[in-house]
Amino acid sequence: MPEAFAVLLVFVVAVASYVSARIQTARSPASPAADRQRLEQHRAWLAERLQLAWRENWDQAMIARLADEIETVDAELARLATEQRAAA
């Protein structure tokens, strides 16, 4: 019986986390300036993680994934810059 409560608790926490994430996503910034700031902060965090990965000799797959994520963020930043130039 205690095992069932543990499984139920894990399920409830997972559902609460999912709902919280969905609500937070719905409140995401709608302005291009806020989007750009969020992406720049995310890129800086990814760059820090990549530096840490190199220093601590992380798995090459993890390093490659971080580098790919940085490229994706760079592409998104370039797209936002292009949209802002076109709108101006």
N, C-alpha and C. Protein backbone atom coordinates (compact mmCIF):
# COMPACT_ATOMS: atom_id res chain seq x y z
N MET A 1 0.80 -1.20 0.00
CA MET A 1 0.00 0.00 0.00
C MET A 1 0.85 1.27 0.00
N PRO A 2 1.94 1.35 0.79
CA PRO A 2 2.77 2.56 0.75
C PRO A 2 3.39 2.78 -0.63
N GLU A 3 3.67 1.69 -1.36
CA GLU A 3 4.24 1.83 -2.69
C GLU A 3 3.26 2.53 -3.62
N ALA A 4 1.99 2.23 -3.47
CA ALA A 4 0.98 2.87 -4.30
C ALA A 4 0.93 4.38 -4.03
N PHE A 5 1.06 4.77 -2.77
CA PHE A 5 1.08 6.19 -2.45
C PHE A 5 2.32 6.87 -3.03
N ALA A 6 3.45 6.18 -3.01
CA ALA A 6 4.68 6.75 -3.57
C ALA A 6 4.52 6.97 -5.08
N VAL A 7 3.95 5.98 -5.76
CA VAL A 7 3.72 6.12 -7.21
C VAL A 7 2.73 7.24 -7.47
N LEU A 8 1.68 7.32 -6.69
CA LEU A 8 0.69 8.38 -6.85
C LEU A 8 1.31 9.75 -6.61
N LEU A 9 2.17 9.85 -5.61
CA LEU A 9 2.84 11.11 -5.32
C LEU A 9 3.72 11.54 -6.49
N VAL A 10 4.47 10.61 -7.06
CA VAL A 10 5.32 10.91 -8.21
C VAL A 10 4.46 11.38 -9.38
N PHE A 11 3.34 10.72 -9.60
CA PHE A 11 2.44 11.11 -10.68
C PHE A 11 1.89 12.51 -10.46
N VAL A 12 1.46 12.82 -9.25
CA VAL A 12 0.91 14.14 -8.94
C VAL A 12 1.97 15.22 -9.12
N VAL A 13 3.19 14.96 -8.68
CA VAL A 13 4.27 15.93 -8.86
C VAL A 13 4.57 16.14 -10.34
N ALA A 14 4.57 15.08 -11.12
CA ALA A 14 4.82 15.20 -12.55
C ALA A 14 3.73 16.02 -13.24
N VAL A 15 2.48 15.76 -12.90
CA VAL A 15 1.38 16.52 -13.49
C VAL A 15 1.46 17.99 -13.07
N ALA A 16 1.76 18.24 -11.82
CA ALA A 16 1.88 19.63 -11.35
C ALA A 16 3.03 20.34 -12.07
N SER A 17 4.13 19.66 -12.28
CA SER A 17 5.25 20.26 -13.01
C SER A 17 4.88 20.57 -14.45
N TYR A 18 4.17 19.65 -15.09
CA TYR A 18 3.73 19.85 -16.46
C TYR A 18 2.80 21.06 -16.57
N VAL A 19 1.82 21.12 -15.69
CA VAL A 19 0.86 22.23 -15.71
C VAL A 19 1.58 23.55 -15.44
N SER A 20 2.49 23.55 -14.50
CA SER A 20 3.26 24.76 -14.19
C SER A 20 4.07 25.22 -15.41
N ALA A 21 4.70 24.29 -16.09
CA ALA A 21 5.49 24.63 -17.27
C ALA A 21 4.60 25.19 -18.37
N ARG A 22 3.43 24.60 -18.55
CA ARG A 22 2.50 25.11 -19.58
C ARG A 22 2.04 26.52 -19.26
N ILE A 23 1.73 26.78 -18.00
CA ILE A 23 1.30 28.12 -17.60
C ILE A 23 2.44 29.11 -17.82
N GLN A 24 3.65 28.73 -17.44
CA GLN A 24 4.80 29.61 -17.61
C GLN A 24 5.05 29.88 -19.09
N THR A 25 4.87 28.90 -19.93
CA THR A 25 5.06 29.08 -21.37
C THR A 25 4.02 30.04 -21.93
N ALA A 26 2.81 29.94 -21.43
CA ALA A 26 1.76 30.85 -21.90
C ALA A 26 2.07 32.29 -21.53
N ARG A 27 2.84 32.50 -20.49
CA ARG A 27 3.22 33.85 -20.06
C ARG A 27 4.53 34.31 -20.69
N SER A 28 5.04 33.58 -21.67
CA SER A 28 6.33 33.93 -22.25
C SER A 28 6.26 35.31 -22.91
N PRO A 29 7.39 35.98 -23.00
CA PRO A 29 7.39 37.33 -23.55
C PRO A 29 6.93 37.34 -25.00
N ALA A 30 6.10 38.31 -25.33
CA ALA A 30 5.56 38.41 -26.67
C ALA A 30 6.33 39.41 -27.52
N SER A 31 7.08 40.29 -26.90
CA SER A 31 7.78 41.31 -27.66
C SER A 31 9.10 40.77 -28.20
N PRO A 32 9.51 41.24 -29.37
CA PRO A 32 10.79 40.80 -29.93
C PRO A 32 11.98 41.17 -29.05
N ALA A 33 11.90 42.33 -28.38
CA ALA A 33 13.01 42.74 -27.51
C ALA A 33 13.15 41.77 -26.34
N ALA A 34 12.04 41.37 -25.76
CA ALA A 34 12.09 40.42 -24.65
C ALA A 34 12.57 39.06 -25.13
N ASP A 35 12.14 38.66 -26.32
CA ASP A 35 12.60 37.40 -26.91
C ASP A 35 14.11 37.44 -27.13
N ARG A 36 14.58 38.55 -27.67
CA ARG A 36 16.01 38.69 -27.93
C ARG A 36 16.81 38.62 -26.63
N GLN A 37 16.34 39.30 -25.60
CA GLN A 37 17.03 39.28 -24.31
C GLN A 37 17.06 37.87 -23.73
N ARG A 38 15.94 37.17 -23.83
CA ARG A 38 15.88 35.80 -23.32
C ARG A 38 16.85 34.90 -24.07
N LEU A 39 16.90 35.06 -25.39
CA LEU A 39 17.81 34.24 -26.20
C LEU A 39 19.27 34.57 -25.91
N GLU A 40 19.58 35.84 -25.71
CA GLU A 40 20.96 36.21 -25.39
C GLU A 40 21.38 35.64 -24.03
N GLN A 41 20.48 35.67 -23.07
CA GLN A 41 20.79 35.08 -21.76
C GLN A 41 20.97 33.57 -21.87
N HIS A 42 20.13 32.93 -22.67
CA HIS A 42 20.24 31.49 -22.86
C HIS A 42 21.55 31.13 -23.56
N ARG A 43 21.94 31.94 -24.55
CA ARG A 43 23.19 31.69 -25.25
C ARG A 43 24.38 31.84 -24.30
N ALA A 44 24.35 32.85 -23.45
CA ALA A 44 25.44 33.05 -22.48
C ALA A 44 25.52 31.86 -21.53
N TRP A 45 24.37 31.36 -21.09
CA TRP A 45 24.37 30.19 -20.20
C TRP A 45 24.93 28.98 -20.92
N LEU A 46 24.52 28.78 -22.18
CA LEU A 46 25.04 27.65 -22.94
C LEU A 46 26.54 27.75 -23.14
N ALA A 47 27.04 28.96 -23.40
CA ALA A 47 28.48 29.16 -23.59
C ALA A 47 29.24 28.83 -22.31
N GLU A 48 28.68 29.22 -21.17
CA GLU A 48 29.31 28.87 -19.89
C GLU A 48 29.36 27.36 -19.70
N ARG A 49 28.25 26.71 -20.01
CA ARG A 49 28.21 25.25 -19.88
C ARG A 49 29.21 24.58 -20.81
N LEU A 50 29.35 25.11 -22.03
CA LEU A 50 30.29 24.54 -22.98
C LEU A 50 31.73 24.70 -22.48
N GLN A 51 32.05 25.86 -21.93
CA GLN A 51 33.38 26.06 -21.36
C GLN A 51 33.64 25.07 -20.22
N LEU A 52 32.63 24.89 -19.37
CA LEU A 52 32.74 23.93 -18.27
C LEU A 52 32.95 22.52 -18.82
N ALA A 53 32.22 22.19 -19.87
CA ALA A 53 32.34 20.86 -20.47
C ALA A 53 33.74 20.61 -20.99
N TRP A 54 34.33 21.62 -21.63
CA TRP A 54 35.70 21.47 -22.12
C TRP A 54 36.69 21.35 -20.97
N ARG A 55 36.52 22.19 -19.94
CA ARG A 55 37.45 22.14 -18.81
C ARG A 55 37.40 20.80 -18.09
N GLU A 56 36.21 20.25 -17.94
CA GLU A 56 36.04 19.02 -17.15
C GLU A 56 36.02 17.76 -18.01
N ASN A 57 36.34 17.91 -19.29
CA ASN A 57 36.40 16.76 -20.21
C ASN A 57 35.11 15.94 -20.21
N TRP A 58 33.99 16.62 -20.46
CA TRP A 58 32.72 15.91 -20.54
C TRP A 58 32.70 15.03 -21.78
N ASP A 59 31.69 14.23 -21.87
CA ASP A 59 31.47 13.36 -23.01
C ASP A 59 31.39 14.19 -24.30
N GLN A 60 31.99 13.69 -25.36
CA GLN A 60 32.01 14.43 -26.64
C GLN A 60 30.60 14.65 -27.19
N ALA A 61 29.70 13.71 -26.94
CA ALA A 61 28.32 13.88 -27.41
C ALA A 61 27.65 15.06 -26.70
N MET A 62 27.92 15.22 -25.42
CA MET A 62 27.35 16.35 -24.67
C MET A 62 27.93 17.67 -25.17
N ILE A 63 29.22 17.69 -25.42
CA ILE A 63 29.86 18.90 -25.95
C ILE A 63 29.27 19.25 -27.32
N ALA A 64 29.09 18.25 -28.15
CA ALA A 64 28.51 18.49 -29.48
C ALA A 64 27.07 18.99 -29.37
N ARG A 65 26.32 18.44 -28.42
CA ARG A 65 24.93 18.88 -28.24
C ARG A 65 24.88 20.34 -27.78
N LEU A 66 25.76 20.72 -26.86
CA LEU A 66 25.82 22.11 -26.42
C LEU A 66 26.19 23.03 -27.57
N ALA A 67 27.15 22.62 -28.39
CA ALA A 67 27.55 23.43 -29.54
C ALA A 67 26.38 23.56 -30.53
N ASP A 68 25.65 22.48 -30.74
CA ASP A 68 24.47 22.53 -31.62
C ASP A 68 23.41 23.47 -31.08
N GLU A 69 23.19 23.45 -29.78
CA GLU A 69 22.20 24.34 -29.18
C GLU A 69 22.63 25.79 -29.33
N ILE A 70 23.92 26.06 -29.20
CA ILE A 70 24.41 27.43 -29.39
C ILE A 70 24.17 27.86 -30.84
N GLU A 71 24.42 26.98 -31.78
CA GLU A 71 24.17 27.30 -33.19
C GLU A 71 22.69 27.59 -33.43
N THR A 72 21.83 26.82 -32.80
CA THR A 72 20.38 27.03 -32.94
C THR A 72 19.98 28.38 -32.39
N VAL A 73 20.51 28.74 -31.22
CA VAL A 73 20.19 30.03 -30.62
C VAL A 73 20.74 31.16 -31.49
N ASP A 74 21.95 30.99 -32.03
CA ASP A 74 22.52 32.00 -32.92
C ASP A 74 21.64 32.20 -34.15
N ALA A 75 21.15 31.11 -34.71
CA ALA A 75 20.26 31.22 -35.88
C ALA A 75 18.97 31.95 -35.52
N GLU A 76 18.44 31.67 -34.35
CA GLU A 76 17.21 32.34 -33.90
C GLU A 76 17.47 33.82 -33.67
N LEU A 77 18.61 34.16 -33.09
CA LEU A 77 18.97 35.57 -32.90
C LEU A 77 19.13 36.28 -34.24
N ALA A 78 19.73 35.61 -35.20
CA ALA A 78 19.88 36.20 -36.54
C ALA A 78 18.52 36.41 -37.19
N ARG A 79 17.61 35.46 -37.01
CA ARG A 79 16.26 35.59 -37.56
C ARG A 79 15.54 36.78 -36.93
N LEU A 80 15.66 36.93 -35.62
CA LEU A 80 15.03 38.06 -34.94
C LEU A 80 15.62 39.38 -35.43
N ALA A 81 16.94 39.44 -35.61
CA ALA A 81 17.57 40.66 -36.10
C ALA A 81 17.08 41.00 -37.50
N THR A 82 16.94 39.99 -38.34
CA THR A 82 16.44 40.20 -39.71
C THR A 82 15.01 40.72 -39.68
N GLU A 83 14.18 40.13 -38.83
CA GLU A 83 12.79 40.59 -38.70
C GLU A 83 12.71 42.03 -38.20
N GLN A 84 13.58 42.38 -37.25
CA GLN A 84 13.57 43.74 -36.71
C GLN A 84 14.03 44.74 -37.77
N ARG A 85 15.03 44.37 -38.59
CA ARG A 85 15.48 45.26 -39.67
C ARG A 85 14.38 45.43 -40.71
N ALA A 86 13.67 44.34 -41.01
CA ALA A 86 12.60 44.40 -42.01
C ALA A 86 11.44 45.25 -41.52
N ALA A 87 11.17 45.19 -40.22
CA ALA A 87 10.05 45.95 -39.65
C ALA A 87 10.38 47.44 -39.55
N ALA A 88 11.67 47.76 -39.49
CA ALA A 88 12.06 49.17 -39.32
C ALA A 88 12.05 49.95 -40.62
